[in-house]
Amino acid sequence: MPTEDNSREVSRRVPRSQIRRRLIAAAAEEFTEHGYGAATVDDIALRAGFTKGAVYSNFRSKQGLFAAVLEERSASERDRLLQAPTRPADEVATFVAGVVAESITEDEQRGRLGLEFAARAARDPAARQAWGPLRRTQREVAERAIREVSAQSGLELSIDPGVAALILHCLTNGLSMEHLADPEQVDSAAIEQAIVALIESITHAEPERQR
């Protein structure tokens, strides 16, 4: 078990970015295994090989650390989705659907964490303060990604990009929950079909780029 002194020594040797990554990974495991309420800052820090001071100096609170866990997962999916503009227009929907389906089915920990914190935020004002801005940021980033993809891929939206982002965001969250509840029915293929259907219903090829 690390002591305060040797944890400070380790912290001086380990780059801050690596400390954050280790804490986020440890927190994801603790939150998934024990739930947000039962997981403690001490246990998270111990699992990562630090003391709780490392958590507070990097994330300020348990809520902040939880938000960072969810943001890391969202950032990974966002980076992959931004590769969509390099695809032909007729492949964009399938590519996006594949990324979303893989994110939901291959990283079920993310879905469980999202449900855990959503339930917590509904009852705890402090958790809501961390949850609300995170979700807002995710929707804003989704809107920027949708604008970029539509501008570069030859697809034109039939609705406002902000509305499209909200619909896609809500559908993705709903599919994640349904997959956790019924993975046999709501499998990767079903998720891809739902995402493709949505994208095709709100887009069409720009006339000048039609072949």
N, C-alpha and C. Protein backbone atom coordinates (compact mmCIF):
# COMPACT_ATOMS: atom_id res chain seq x y z
N MET A 1 0.86 -1.20 0.00
CA MET A 1 0.00 0.00 0.00
C MET A 1 0.89 1.25 0.00
N PRO A 2 0.66 2.20 -0.92
CA PRO A 2 1.51 3.38 -0.97
C PRO A 2 1.29 4.29 0.22
N THR A 3 2.38 4.86 0.73
CA THR A 3 2.28 5.85 1.79
C THR A 3 2.26 7.23 1.15
N GLU A 4 1.95 8.25 1.96
CA GLU A 4 1.92 9.61 1.44
C GLU A 4 3.27 10.01 0.87
N ASP A 5 4.34 9.65 1.58
CA ASP A 5 5.68 10.05 1.14
C ASP A 5 6.08 9.37 -0.17
N ASN A 6 5.90 8.03 -0.23
CA ASN A 6 6.35 7.37 -1.45
C ASN A 6 5.42 7.67 -2.62
N SER A 7 4.15 8.00 -2.33
CA SER A 7 3.25 8.40 -3.40
C SER A 7 3.69 9.73 -4.01
N ARG A 8 4.14 10.65 -3.17
CA ARG A 8 4.64 11.93 -3.69
C ARG A 8 5.88 11.70 -4.55
N GLU A 9 6.72 10.75 -4.10
CA GLU A 9 7.94 10.46 -4.86
C GLU A 9 7.59 9.86 -6.21
N VAL A 10 6.62 8.93 -6.22
CA VAL A 10 6.17 8.34 -7.46
C VAL A 10 5.58 9.41 -8.37
N SER A 11 4.77 10.29 -7.79
CA SER A 11 4.13 11.35 -8.57
C SER A 11 5.14 12.26 -9.23
N ARG A 12 6.28 12.48 -8.55
CA ARG A 12 7.31 13.34 -9.14
C ARG A 12 7.99 12.64 -10.32
N ARG A 13 8.03 11.32 -10.29
CA ARG A 13 8.70 10.57 -11.36
C ARG A 13 7.76 10.29 -12.53
N VAL A 14 6.48 10.13 -12.27
CA VAL A 14 5.52 9.77 -13.31
C VAL A 14 4.93 11.02 -13.95
N PRO A 15 4.93 11.10 -15.28
CA PRO A 15 4.34 12.27 -15.95
C PRO A 15 2.88 12.45 -15.54
N ARG A 16 2.46 13.69 -15.46
CA ARG A 16 1.08 13.98 -15.03
C ARG A 16 0.05 13.30 -15.93
N SER A 17 0.32 13.27 -17.24
CA SER A 17 -0.63 12.64 -18.16
C SER A 17 -0.80 11.16 -17.84
N GLN A 18 0.27 10.50 -17.45
CA GLN A 18 0.19 9.08 -17.11
C GLN A 18 -0.54 8.88 -15.78
N ILE A 19 -0.31 9.78 -14.84
CA ILE A 19 -1.03 9.70 -13.56
C ILE A 19 -2.52 9.79 -13.82
N ARG A 20 -2.92 10.74 -14.66
CA ARG A 20 -4.34 10.90 -14.97
C ARG A 20 -4.90 9.64 -15.64
N ARG A 21 -4.16 9.08 -16.59
CA ARG A 21 -4.63 7.88 -17.27
C ARG A 21 -4.81 6.72 -16.30
N ARG A 22 -3.84 6.56 -15.39
CA ARG A 22 -3.93 5.47 -14.41
C ARG A 22 -5.10 5.67 -13.46
N LEU A 23 -5.32 6.89 -13.04
CA LEU A 23 -6.44 7.17 -12.14
C LEU A 23 -7.78 6.95 -12.85
N ILE A 24 -7.88 7.37 -14.10
CA ILE A 24 -9.11 7.18 -14.86
C ILE A 24 -9.40 5.70 -15.05
N ALA A 25 -8.37 4.92 -15.39
CA ALA A 25 -8.56 3.48 -15.58
C ALA A 25 -8.99 2.81 -14.28
N ALA A 26 -8.34 3.18 -13.18
CA ALA A 26 -8.69 2.59 -11.88
C ALA A 26 -10.10 3.00 -11.47
N ALA A 27 -10.46 4.25 -11.72
CA ALA A 27 -11.79 4.73 -11.35
C ALA A 27 -12.86 4.00 -12.15
N ALA A 28 -12.63 3.78 -13.44
CA ALA A 28 -13.61 3.07 -14.26
C ALA A 28 -13.87 1.68 -13.70
N GLU A 29 -12.82 1.01 -13.26
CA GLU A 29 -12.98 -0.33 -12.70
C GLU A 29 -13.71 -0.30 -11.37
N GLU A 30 -13.35 0.65 -10.51
CA GLU A 30 -14.00 0.75 -9.20
C GLU A 30 -15.48 1.12 -9.34
N PHE A 31 -15.78 2.09 -10.18
CA PHE A 31 -17.17 2.50 -10.37
C PHE A 31 -18.01 1.36 -10.96
N THR A 32 -17.43 0.62 -11.90
CA THR A 32 -18.16 -0.48 -12.52
C THR A 32 -18.39 -1.62 -11.53
N GLU A 33 -17.39 -1.94 -10.74
CA GLU A 33 -17.49 -3.07 -9.81
C GLU A 33 -18.35 -2.76 -8.59
N HIS A 34 -18.27 -1.53 -8.08
CA HIS A 34 -18.90 -1.22 -6.80
C HIS A 34 -20.00 -0.17 -6.87
N GLY A 35 -20.13 0.51 -8.02
CA GLY A 35 -21.11 1.58 -8.12
C GLY A 35 -20.50 2.90 -7.65
N TYR A 36 -21.10 3.98 -8.11
CA TYR A 36 -20.54 5.30 -7.79
C TYR A 36 -20.55 5.57 -6.28
N GLY A 37 -21.65 5.25 -5.63
CA GLY A 37 -21.76 5.56 -4.20
C GLY A 37 -20.77 4.80 -3.34
N ALA A 38 -20.55 3.51 -3.66
CA ALA A 38 -19.68 2.68 -2.82
C ALA A 38 -18.20 2.85 -3.14
N ALA A 39 -17.89 3.27 -4.35
CA ALA A 39 -16.48 3.48 -4.71
C ALA A 39 -15.94 4.68 -3.94
N THR A 40 -14.75 4.54 -3.39
CA THR A 40 -14.15 5.63 -2.62
C THR A 40 -12.91 6.16 -3.31
N VAL A 41 -12.59 7.41 -3.02
CA VAL A 41 -11.39 8.02 -3.57
C VAL A 41 -10.15 7.26 -3.10
N ASP A 42 -10.16 6.83 -1.85
CA ASP A 42 -9.02 6.07 -1.33
C ASP A 42 -8.80 4.78 -2.12
N ASP A 43 -9.88 4.06 -2.39
CA ASP A 43 -9.74 2.79 -3.12
C ASP A 43 -9.31 3.01 -4.56
N ILE A 44 -9.83 4.06 -5.17
CA ILE A 44 -9.42 4.38 -6.55
C ILE A 44 -7.94 4.70 -6.60
N ALA A 45 -7.51 5.56 -5.69
CA ALA A 45 -6.10 5.94 -5.66
C ALA A 45 -5.22 4.73 -5.39
N LEU A 46 -5.62 3.89 -4.45
CA LEU A 46 -4.85 2.69 -4.13
C LEU A 46 -4.73 1.78 -5.34
N ARG A 47 -5.81 1.61 -6.05
CA ARG A 47 -5.81 0.75 -7.23
C ARG A 47 -4.86 1.28 -8.30
N ALA A 48 -4.75 2.60 -8.37
CA ALA A 48 -3.87 3.22 -9.37
C ALA A 48 -2.42 3.31 -8.89
N GLY A 49 -2.20 3.08 -7.58
CA GLY A 49 -0.84 3.14 -7.05
C GLY A 49 -0.47 4.49 -6.48
N PHE A 50 -1.47 5.29 -6.13
CA PHE A 50 -1.22 6.61 -5.55
C PHE A 50 -2.03 6.79 -4.27
N THR A 51 -1.94 7.96 -3.66
CA THR A 51 -2.80 8.29 -2.53
C THR A 51 -3.91 9.20 -3.05
N LYS A 52 -4.89 9.47 -2.19
CA LYS A 52 -6.04 10.25 -2.64
C LYS A 52 -5.67 11.67 -3.03
N GLY A 53 -4.53 12.15 -2.56
CA GLY A 53 -4.10 13.49 -2.95
C GLY A 53 -3.93 13.61 -4.45
N ALA A 54 -3.54 12.52 -5.11
CA ALA A 54 -3.37 12.54 -6.56
C ALA A 54 -4.71 12.73 -7.25
N VAL A 55 -5.76 12.16 -6.67
CA VAL A 55 -7.09 12.32 -7.25
C VAL A 55 -7.54 13.77 -7.16
N TYR A 56 -7.39 14.35 -5.97
CA TYR A 56 -7.87 15.72 -5.77
C TYR A 56 -7.04 16.74 -6.55
N SER A 57 -5.74 16.48 -6.71
CA SER A 57 -4.91 17.44 -7.43
C SER A 57 -5.15 17.39 -8.94
N ASN A 58 -5.66 16.26 -9.43
CA ASN A 58 -5.89 16.12 -10.87
C ASN A 58 -7.34 16.31 -11.27
N PHE A 59 -8.28 15.97 -10.36
CA PHE A 59 -9.70 16.00 -10.74
C PHE A 59 -10.58 16.77 -9.76
N ARG A 60 -10.05 17.19 -8.63
CA ARG A 60 -10.72 18.02 -7.64
C ARG A 60 -11.76 17.28 -6.80
N SER A 61 -12.43 16.28 -7.38
CA SER A 61 -13.47 15.58 -6.63
C SER A 61 -13.75 14.24 -7.29
N LYS A 62 -14.52 13.40 -6.58
CA LYS A 62 -14.94 12.13 -7.16
C LYS A 62 -15.84 12.36 -8.37
N GLN A 63 -16.70 13.40 -8.28
CA GLN A 63 -17.56 13.71 -9.41
C GLN A 63 -16.74 14.10 -10.64
N GLY A 64 -15.69 14.90 -10.40
CA GLY A 64 -14.83 15.31 -11.50
C GLY A 64 -14.12 14.14 -12.13
N LEU A 65 -13.70 13.19 -11.31
CA LEU A 65 -13.04 12.00 -11.83
C LEU A 65 -14.02 11.15 -12.64
N PHE A 66 -15.24 11.02 -12.15
CA PHE A 66 -16.24 10.26 -12.89
C PHE A 66 -16.50 10.90 -14.25
N ALA A 67 -16.62 12.22 -14.27
CA ALA A 67 -16.83 12.92 -15.53
C ALA A 67 -15.67 12.67 -16.49
N ALA A 68 -14.45 12.63 -15.96
CA ALA A 68 -13.28 12.38 -16.80
C ALA A 68 -13.31 10.97 -17.39
N VAL A 69 -13.80 10.02 -16.62
CA VAL A 69 -13.92 8.64 -17.11
C VAL A 69 -14.86 8.61 -18.32
N LEU A 70 -16.02 9.24 -18.19
CA LEU A 70 -16.99 9.24 -19.28
C LEU A 70 -16.48 10.03 -20.48
N GLU A 71 -15.81 11.14 -20.21
CA GLU A 71 -15.30 11.97 -21.29
C GLU A 71 -14.24 11.24 -22.10
N GLU A 72 -13.41 10.44 -21.44
CA GLU A 72 -12.38 9.69 -22.15
C GLU A 72 -13.01 8.74 -23.17
N ARG A 73 -14.08 8.05 -22.76
CA ARG A 73 -14.76 7.16 -23.68
C ARG A 73 -15.40 7.93 -24.83
N SER A 74 -16.00 9.05 -24.54
CA SER A 74 -16.64 9.85 -25.59
C SER A 74 -15.61 10.40 -26.57
N ALA A 75 -14.46 10.81 -26.06
CA ALA A 75 -13.41 11.36 -26.92
C ALA A 75 -12.89 10.32 -27.90
N SER A 76 -12.76 9.08 -27.44
CA SER A 76 -12.28 8.01 -28.31
C SER A 76 -13.26 7.77 -29.46
N GLU A 77 -14.54 7.73 -29.15
CA GLU A 77 -15.56 7.53 -30.18
C GLU A 77 -15.60 8.73 -31.11
N ARG A 78 -15.50 9.94 -30.55
CA ARG A 78 -15.53 11.15 -31.37
C ARG A 78 -14.38 11.17 -32.37
N ASP A 79 -13.19 10.80 -31.94
CA ASP A 79 -12.03 10.81 -32.83
C ASP A 79 -12.22 9.85 -34.00
N ARG A 80 -12.84 8.73 -33.73
CA ARG A 80 -13.09 7.77 -34.81
C ARG A 80 -14.17 8.28 -35.76
N LEU A 81 -15.20 8.90 -35.22
CA LEU A 81 -16.27 9.42 -36.07
C LEU A 81 -15.78 10.51 -37.01
N LEU A 82 -14.79 11.27 -36.58
CA LEU A 82 -14.27 12.35 -37.41
C LEU A 82 -13.48 11.84 -38.61
N GLN A 83 -13.31 10.52 -38.71
CA GLN A 83 -12.71 9.94 -39.90
C GLN A 83 -13.76 9.76 -41.01
N ALA A 84 -15.02 9.94 -40.66
CA ALA A 84 -16.10 9.72 -41.63
C ALA A 84 -16.00 10.58 -42.88
N PRO A 85 -15.58 11.87 -42.79
CA PRO A 85 -15.52 12.69 -44.00
C PRO A 85 -14.60 12.15 -45.07
N THR A 86 -13.68 11.24 -44.73
CA THR A 86 -12.77 10.67 -45.72
C THR A 86 -13.45 9.57 -46.52
N ARG A 87 -14.66 9.20 -46.14
CA ARG A 87 -15.39 8.13 -46.82
C ARG A 87 -16.29 8.70 -47.91
N PRO A 88 -16.58 7.90 -48.95
CA PRO A 88 -17.56 8.34 -49.96
C PRO A 88 -18.92 8.56 -49.29
N ALA A 89 -19.72 9.44 -49.86
CA ALA A 89 -21.00 9.80 -49.25
C ALA A 89 -21.87 8.59 -48.97
N ASP A 90 -21.86 7.60 -49.89
CA ASP A 90 -22.74 6.44 -49.72
C ASP A 90 -22.22 5.46 -48.67
N GLU A 91 -21.04 5.73 -48.09
CA GLU A 91 -20.49 4.84 -47.07
C GLU A 91 -20.50 5.47 -45.68
N VAL A 92 -20.85 6.76 -45.62
CA VAL A 92 -20.77 7.48 -44.35
C VAL A 92 -21.70 6.88 -43.29
N ALA A 93 -22.96 6.63 -43.66
CA ALA A 93 -23.92 6.11 -42.69
C ALA A 93 -23.47 4.76 -42.13
N THR A 94 -22.99 3.89 -43.01
CA THR A 94 -22.53 2.56 -42.56
C THR A 94 -21.31 2.68 -41.66
N PHE A 95 -20.40 3.59 -42.01
CA PHE A 95 -19.19 3.76 -41.21
C PHE A 95 -19.54 4.28 -39.82
N VAL A 96 -20.37 5.32 -39.75
CA VAL A 96 -20.77 5.89 -38.46
C VAL A 96 -21.50 4.85 -37.62
N ALA A 97 -22.40 4.11 -38.26
CA ALA A 97 -23.15 3.08 -37.54
C ALA A 97 -22.24 2.02 -36.97
N GLY A 98 -21.21 1.66 -37.73
CA GLY A 98 -20.27 0.65 -37.27
C GLY A 98 -19.48 1.12 -36.06
N VAL A 99 -19.07 2.38 -36.08
CA VAL A 99 -18.32 2.94 -34.95
C VAL A 99 -19.19 2.96 -33.70
N VAL A 100 -20.42 3.41 -33.84
CA VAL A 100 -21.32 3.49 -32.69
C VAL A 100 -21.62 2.09 -32.15
N ALA A 101 -21.91 1.15 -33.05
CA ALA A 101 -22.22 -0.22 -32.62
C ALA A 101 -21.05 -0.85 -31.89
N GLU A 102 -19.86 -0.64 -32.41
CA GLU A 102 -18.67 -1.20 -31.75
C GLU A 102 -18.46 -0.57 -30.38
N SER A 103 -18.67 0.73 -30.29
CA SER A 103 -18.50 1.41 -29.02
C SER A 103 -19.46 0.86 -27.97
N ILE A 104 -20.71 0.59 -28.38
CA ILE A 104 -21.72 0.11 -27.45
C ILE A 104 -21.47 -1.34 -27.04
N THR A 105 -21.15 -2.18 -28.02
CA THR A 105 -21.05 -3.62 -27.74
C THR A 105 -19.68 -4.04 -27.21
N GLU A 106 -18.62 -3.33 -27.59
CA GLU A 106 -17.29 -3.71 -27.15
C GLU A 106 -16.87 -3.02 -25.85
N ASP A 107 -17.56 -1.96 -25.47
CA ASP A 107 -17.22 -1.24 -24.24
C ASP A 107 -18.48 -1.10 -23.38
N GLU A 108 -18.97 -2.23 -22.90
CA GLU A 108 -20.18 -2.20 -22.08
C GLU A 108 -19.94 -1.47 -20.77
N GLN A 109 -18.68 -1.38 -20.34
CA GLN A 109 -18.37 -0.65 -19.12
C GLN A 109 -18.83 0.79 -19.23
N ARG A 110 -18.67 1.37 -20.41
CA ARG A 110 -19.09 2.76 -20.62
C ARG A 110 -20.59 2.90 -20.41
N GLY A 111 -21.37 1.95 -20.96
CA GLY A 111 -22.81 2.01 -20.79
C GLY A 111 -23.24 1.89 -19.34
N ARG A 112 -22.60 0.98 -18.62
CA ARG A 112 -22.93 0.81 -17.20
C ARG A 112 -22.57 2.05 -16.39
N LEU A 113 -21.44 2.65 -16.73
CA LEU A 113 -21.03 3.87 -16.03
C LEU A 113 -22.01 5.01 -16.31
N GLY A 114 -22.45 5.12 -17.56
CA GLY A 114 -23.39 6.18 -17.90
C GLY A 114 -24.69 6.04 -17.15
N LEU A 115 -25.21 4.82 -17.07
CA LEU A 115 -26.44 4.58 -16.34
C LEU A 115 -26.25 4.87 -14.85
N GLU A 116 -25.11 4.49 -14.32
CA GLU A 116 -24.82 4.69 -12.90
C GLU A 116 -24.82 6.17 -12.56
N PHE A 117 -24.14 6.97 -13.37
CA PHE A 117 -24.04 8.38 -13.05
C PHE A 117 -25.33 9.13 -13.35
N ALA A 118 -26.06 8.68 -14.37
CA ALA A 118 -27.34 9.32 -14.67
C ALA A 118 -28.30 9.14 -13.49
N ALA A 119 -28.32 7.94 -12.92
CA ALA A 119 -29.18 7.69 -11.76
C ALA A 119 -28.73 8.52 -10.57
N ARG A 120 -27.42 8.64 -10.42
CA ARG A 120 -26.89 9.44 -9.32
C ARG A 120 -27.23 10.92 -9.49
N ALA A 121 -27.09 11.41 -10.71
CA ALA A 121 -27.34 12.83 -10.99
C ALA A 121 -28.80 13.19 -10.77
N ALA A 122 -29.69 12.22 -10.97
CA ALA A 122 -31.12 12.48 -10.78
C ALA A 122 -31.45 12.75 -9.32
N ARG A 123 -30.59 12.26 -8.40
CA ARG A 123 -30.86 12.41 -6.98
C ARG A 123 -29.89 13.34 -6.26
N ASP A 124 -28.73 13.56 -6.86
CA ASP A 124 -27.66 14.28 -6.17
C ASP A 124 -27.30 15.56 -6.93
N PRO A 125 -27.62 16.73 -6.39
CA PRO A 125 -27.32 17.99 -7.08
C PRO A 125 -25.84 18.15 -7.41
N ALA A 126 -24.96 17.67 -6.53
CA ALA A 126 -23.52 17.80 -6.80
C ALA A 126 -23.12 16.97 -8.02
N ALA A 127 -23.66 15.77 -8.12
CA ALA A 127 -23.37 14.92 -9.28
C ALA A 127 -23.96 15.55 -10.54
N ARG A 128 -25.14 16.16 -10.40
CA ARG A 128 -25.78 16.79 -11.56
C ARG A 128 -24.94 17.94 -12.09
N GLN A 129 -24.26 18.64 -11.19
CA GLN A 129 -23.42 19.76 -11.63
C GLN A 129 -22.28 19.29 -12.51
N ALA A 130 -21.80 18.08 -12.27
CA ALA A 130 -20.75 17.51 -13.12
C ALA A 130 -21.34 16.88 -14.37
N TRP A 131 -22.50 16.26 -14.23
CA TRP A 131 -23.13 15.51 -15.31
C TRP A 131 -23.69 16.42 -16.39
N GLY A 132 -24.41 17.48 -16.00
CA GLY A 132 -25.06 18.35 -16.97
C GLY A 132 -24.08 18.97 -17.96
N PRO A 133 -23.04 19.64 -17.51
CA PRO A 133 -22.09 20.23 -18.45
C PRO A 133 -21.39 19.20 -19.33
N LEU A 134 -21.13 18.01 -18.79
CA LEU A 134 -20.51 16.96 -19.60
C LEU A 134 -21.42 16.55 -20.75
N ARG A 135 -22.69 16.32 -20.45
CA ARG A 135 -23.61 15.92 -21.50
C ARG A 135 -23.79 17.05 -22.53
N ARG A 136 -23.82 18.28 -22.04
CA ARG A 136 -23.96 19.41 -22.96
C ARG A 136 -22.76 19.47 -23.91
N THR A 137 -21.58 19.28 -23.34
CA THR A 137 -20.36 19.29 -24.15
C THR A 137 -20.38 18.17 -25.18
N GLN A 138 -20.84 16.99 -24.78
CA GLN A 138 -20.91 15.87 -25.71
C GLN A 138 -21.84 16.18 -26.88
N ARG A 139 -22.96 16.82 -26.59
CA ARG A 139 -23.89 17.17 -27.67
C ARG A 139 -23.29 18.23 -28.58
N GLU A 140 -22.59 19.19 -27.99
CA GLU A 140 -21.97 20.25 -28.80
C GLU A 140 -20.89 19.68 -29.71
N VAL A 141 -20.10 18.76 -29.18
CA VAL A 141 -19.05 18.13 -29.98
C VAL A 141 -19.68 17.29 -31.09
N ALA A 142 -20.77 16.59 -30.76
CA ALA A 142 -21.48 15.80 -31.77
C ALA A 142 -22.00 16.70 -32.89
N GLU A 143 -22.49 17.87 -32.51
CA GLU A 143 -22.99 18.80 -33.53
C GLU A 143 -21.87 19.28 -34.44
N ARG A 144 -20.70 19.60 -33.84
CA ARG A 144 -19.57 20.02 -34.67
C ARG A 144 -19.13 18.91 -35.60
N ALA A 145 -19.12 17.68 -35.10
CA ALA A 145 -18.72 16.54 -35.93
C ALA A 145 -19.71 16.35 -37.07
N ILE A 146 -21.00 16.48 -36.78
CA ILE A 146 -22.03 16.32 -37.81
C ILE A 146 -21.86 17.40 -38.89
N ARG A 147 -21.61 18.63 -38.47
CA ARG A 147 -21.40 19.72 -39.44
C ARG A 147 -20.20 19.42 -40.33
N GLU A 148 -19.12 18.95 -39.71
CA GLU A 148 -17.90 18.68 -40.48
C GLU A 148 -18.10 17.52 -41.44
N VAL A 149 -18.74 16.47 -40.95
CA VAL A 149 -18.98 15.30 -41.80
C VAL A 149 -19.87 15.67 -42.98
N SER A 150 -20.95 16.38 -42.72
CA SER A 150 -21.87 16.74 -43.81
C SER A 150 -21.22 17.69 -44.81
N ALA A 151 -20.36 18.59 -44.32
CA ALA A 151 -19.71 19.55 -45.21
C ALA A 151 -18.69 18.88 -46.13
N GLN A 152 -18.03 17.85 -45.64
CA GLN A 152 -16.94 17.25 -46.41
C GLN A 152 -17.31 15.97 -47.14
N SER A 153 -18.41 15.36 -46.76
CA SER A 153 -18.73 14.05 -47.33
C SER A 153 -19.69 14.11 -48.51
N GLY A 154 -20.34 15.25 -48.71
CA GLY A 154 -21.32 15.33 -49.78
C GLY A 154 -22.73 15.01 -49.32
N LEU A 155 -22.94 14.91 -48.00
CA LEU A 155 -24.27 14.69 -47.46
C LEU A 155 -24.81 15.99 -46.91
N GLU A 156 -26.09 16.25 -47.18
CA GLU A 156 -26.73 17.47 -46.70
C GLU A 156 -27.83 17.09 -45.71
N LEU A 157 -27.84 17.77 -44.57
CA LEU A 157 -28.84 17.48 -43.55
C LEU A 157 -30.19 18.10 -43.91
N SER A 158 -31.26 17.37 -43.60
CA SER A 158 -32.61 17.90 -43.83
C SER A 158 -33.17 18.55 -42.57
N ILE A 159 -32.41 18.51 -41.47
CA ILE A 159 -32.82 19.15 -40.22
C ILE A 159 -31.62 19.92 -39.65
N ASP A 160 -31.88 20.75 -38.66
CA ASP A 160 -30.82 21.53 -38.03
C ASP A 160 -29.77 20.61 -37.43
N PRO A 161 -28.46 20.91 -37.59
CA PRO A 161 -27.40 20.06 -37.05
C PRO A 161 -27.50 19.85 -35.54
N GLY A 162 -27.96 20.88 -34.82
CA GLY A 162 -28.11 20.73 -33.37
C GLY A 162 -29.19 19.72 -33.02
N VAL A 163 -30.27 19.74 -33.79
CA VAL A 163 -31.34 18.76 -33.58
C VAL A 163 -30.86 17.36 -33.95
N ALA A 164 -30.11 17.27 -35.05
CA ALA A 164 -29.56 15.98 -35.46
C ALA A 164 -28.63 15.41 -34.39
N ALA A 165 -27.82 16.27 -33.80
CA ALA A 165 -26.90 15.83 -32.74
C ALA A 165 -27.66 15.33 -31.53
N LEU A 166 -28.73 16.04 -31.16
CA LEU A 166 -29.54 15.63 -30.01
C LEU A 166 -30.20 14.28 -30.26
N ILE A 167 -30.74 14.09 -31.46
CA ILE A 167 -31.41 12.82 -31.78
C ILE A 167 -30.40 11.68 -31.77
N LEU A 168 -29.26 11.89 -32.41
CA LEU A 168 -28.24 10.83 -32.46
C LEU A 168 -27.71 10.52 -31.07
N HIS A 169 -27.52 11.56 -30.27
CA HIS A 169 -27.03 11.40 -28.90
C HIS A 169 -28.02 10.56 -28.08
N CYS A 170 -29.29 10.91 -28.17
CA CYS A 170 -30.33 10.19 -27.41
C CYS A 170 -30.49 8.76 -27.91
N LEU A 171 -30.45 8.57 -29.22
CA LEU A 171 -30.59 7.22 -29.78
C LEU A 171 -29.43 6.34 -29.34
N THR A 172 -28.22 6.89 -29.37
CA THR A 172 -27.05 6.12 -28.95
C THR A 172 -27.16 5.71 -27.49
N ASN A 173 -27.58 6.64 -26.64
CA ASN A 173 -27.73 6.32 -25.21
C ASN A 173 -28.81 5.26 -25.01
N GLY A 174 -29.91 5.40 -25.73
CA GLY A 174 -30.99 4.43 -25.60
C GLY A 174 -30.58 3.05 -26.07
N LEU A 175 -29.86 2.99 -27.19
CA LEU A 175 -29.38 1.71 -27.70
C LEU A 175 -28.40 1.05 -26.73
N SER A 176 -27.58 1.87 -26.10
CA SER A 176 -26.64 1.35 -25.11
C SER A 176 -27.38 0.70 -23.95
N MET A 177 -28.43 1.35 -23.47
CA MET A 177 -29.22 0.81 -22.37
C MET A 177 -29.93 -0.47 -22.78
N GLU A 178 -30.51 -0.47 -23.99
CA GLU A 178 -31.22 -1.65 -24.47
C GLU A 178 -30.26 -2.82 -24.69
N HIS A 179 -29.05 -2.54 -25.13
CA HIS A 179 -28.07 -3.61 -25.33
C HIS A 179 -27.69 -4.24 -23.99
N LEU A 180 -27.53 -3.41 -22.97
CA LEU A 180 -27.21 -3.94 -21.65
C LEU A 180 -28.34 -4.83 -21.13
N ALA A 181 -29.58 -4.43 -21.41
CA ALA A 181 -30.74 -5.18 -20.91
C ALA A 181 -31.01 -6.44 -21.74
N ASP A 182 -30.77 -6.36 -23.05
CA ASP A 182 -31.11 -7.47 -23.94
C ASP A 182 -30.09 -7.58 -25.07
N PRO A 183 -28.87 -8.04 -24.75
CA PRO A 183 -27.81 -8.09 -25.76
C PRO A 183 -28.08 -9.03 -26.92
N GLU A 184 -28.92 -10.03 -26.73
CA GLU A 184 -29.20 -10.96 -27.81
C GLU A 184 -30.05 -10.31 -28.90
N GLN A 185 -31.04 -9.55 -28.51
CA GLN A 185 -31.90 -8.88 -29.49
C GLN A 185 -31.26 -7.58 -30.00
N VAL A 186 -30.75 -6.78 -29.08
CA VAL A 186 -30.13 -5.51 -29.47
C VAL A 186 -28.63 -5.73 -29.60
N ASP A 187 -28.27 -6.44 -30.67
CA ASP A 187 -26.87 -6.76 -30.91
C ASP A 187 -26.25 -5.74 -31.86
N SER A 188 -25.03 -6.01 -32.29
CA SER A 188 -24.33 -5.06 -33.14
C SER A 188 -25.08 -4.79 -34.43
N ALA A 189 -25.64 -5.84 -35.03
CA ALA A 189 -26.36 -5.67 -36.30
C ALA A 189 -27.60 -4.80 -36.12
N ALA A 190 -28.34 -5.03 -35.04
CA ALA A 190 -29.55 -4.23 -34.79
C ALA A 190 -29.20 -2.77 -34.54
N ILE A 191 -28.11 -2.54 -33.80
CA ILE A 191 -27.68 -1.17 -33.52
C ILE A 191 -27.29 -0.46 -34.81
N GLU A 192 -26.53 -1.15 -35.66
CA GLU A 192 -26.11 -0.55 -36.93
C GLU A 192 -27.32 -0.21 -37.79
N GLN A 193 -28.30 -1.10 -37.84
CA GLN A 193 -29.50 -0.84 -38.63
C GLN A 193 -30.23 0.41 -38.14
N ALA A 194 -30.32 0.56 -36.82
CA ALA A 194 -31.02 1.73 -36.25
C ALA A 194 -30.28 3.03 -36.59
N ILE A 195 -28.97 3.02 -36.47
CA ILE A 195 -28.18 4.22 -36.75
C ILE A 195 -28.23 4.56 -38.24
N VAL A 196 -28.09 3.57 -39.10
CA VAL A 196 -28.16 3.81 -40.54
C VAL A 196 -29.53 4.37 -40.92
N ALA A 197 -30.59 3.80 -40.35
CA ALA A 197 -31.94 4.29 -40.66
C ALA A 197 -32.10 5.75 -40.27
N LEU A 198 -31.55 6.12 -39.12
CA LEU A 198 -31.65 7.52 -38.69
C LEU A 198 -30.89 8.43 -39.64
N ILE A 199 -29.65 8.08 -39.93
CA ILE A 199 -28.82 8.94 -40.78
C ILE A 199 -29.44 9.09 -42.16
N GLU A 200 -29.92 7.99 -42.72
CA GLU A 200 -30.51 8.05 -44.06
C GLU A 200 -31.80 8.87 -44.06
N SER A 201 -32.50 8.91 -42.92
CA SER A 201 -33.76 9.66 -42.86
C SER A 201 -33.55 11.16 -42.74
N ILE A 202 -32.36 11.58 -42.35
CA ILE A 202 -32.13 13.02 -42.14
C ILE A 202 -31.07 13.59 -43.08
N THR A 203 -30.64 12.80 -44.07
CA THR A 203 -29.62 13.29 -45.00
C THR A 203 -30.00 12.95 -46.44
N HIS A 204 -29.37 13.70 -47.35
CA HIS A 204 -29.45 13.35 -48.76
C HIS A 204 -28.20 13.91 -49.42
N ALA A 205 -27.82 13.32 -50.54
CA ALA A 205 -26.61 13.76 -51.24
C ALA A 205 -26.82 15.13 -51.85
N GLU A 206 -25.81 15.99 -51.73
CA GLU A 206 -25.90 17.31 -52.33
C GLU A 206 -25.92 17.16 -53.86
N PRO A 207 -26.79 17.91 -54.56
CA PRO A 207 -26.95 17.75 -56.01
C PRO A 207 -25.65 17.82 -56.77
N GLU A 208 -24.77 18.77 -56.44
CA GLU A 208 -23.53 18.94 -57.20
C GLU A 208 -22.56 17.80 -57.01
N ARG A 209 -22.80 16.97 -55.95
CA ARG A 209 -21.89 15.85 -55.72
C ARG A 209 -22.51 14.53 -56.10
N GLN A 210 -23.78 14.55 -56.53
CA GLN A 210 -24.40 13.32 -56.98
C GLN A 210 -23.77 12.86 -58.29
N ARG A 211 -23.64 11.55 -58.45
CA ARG A 211 -23.04 11.02 -59.67
C ARG A 211 -24.12 10.68 -60.70
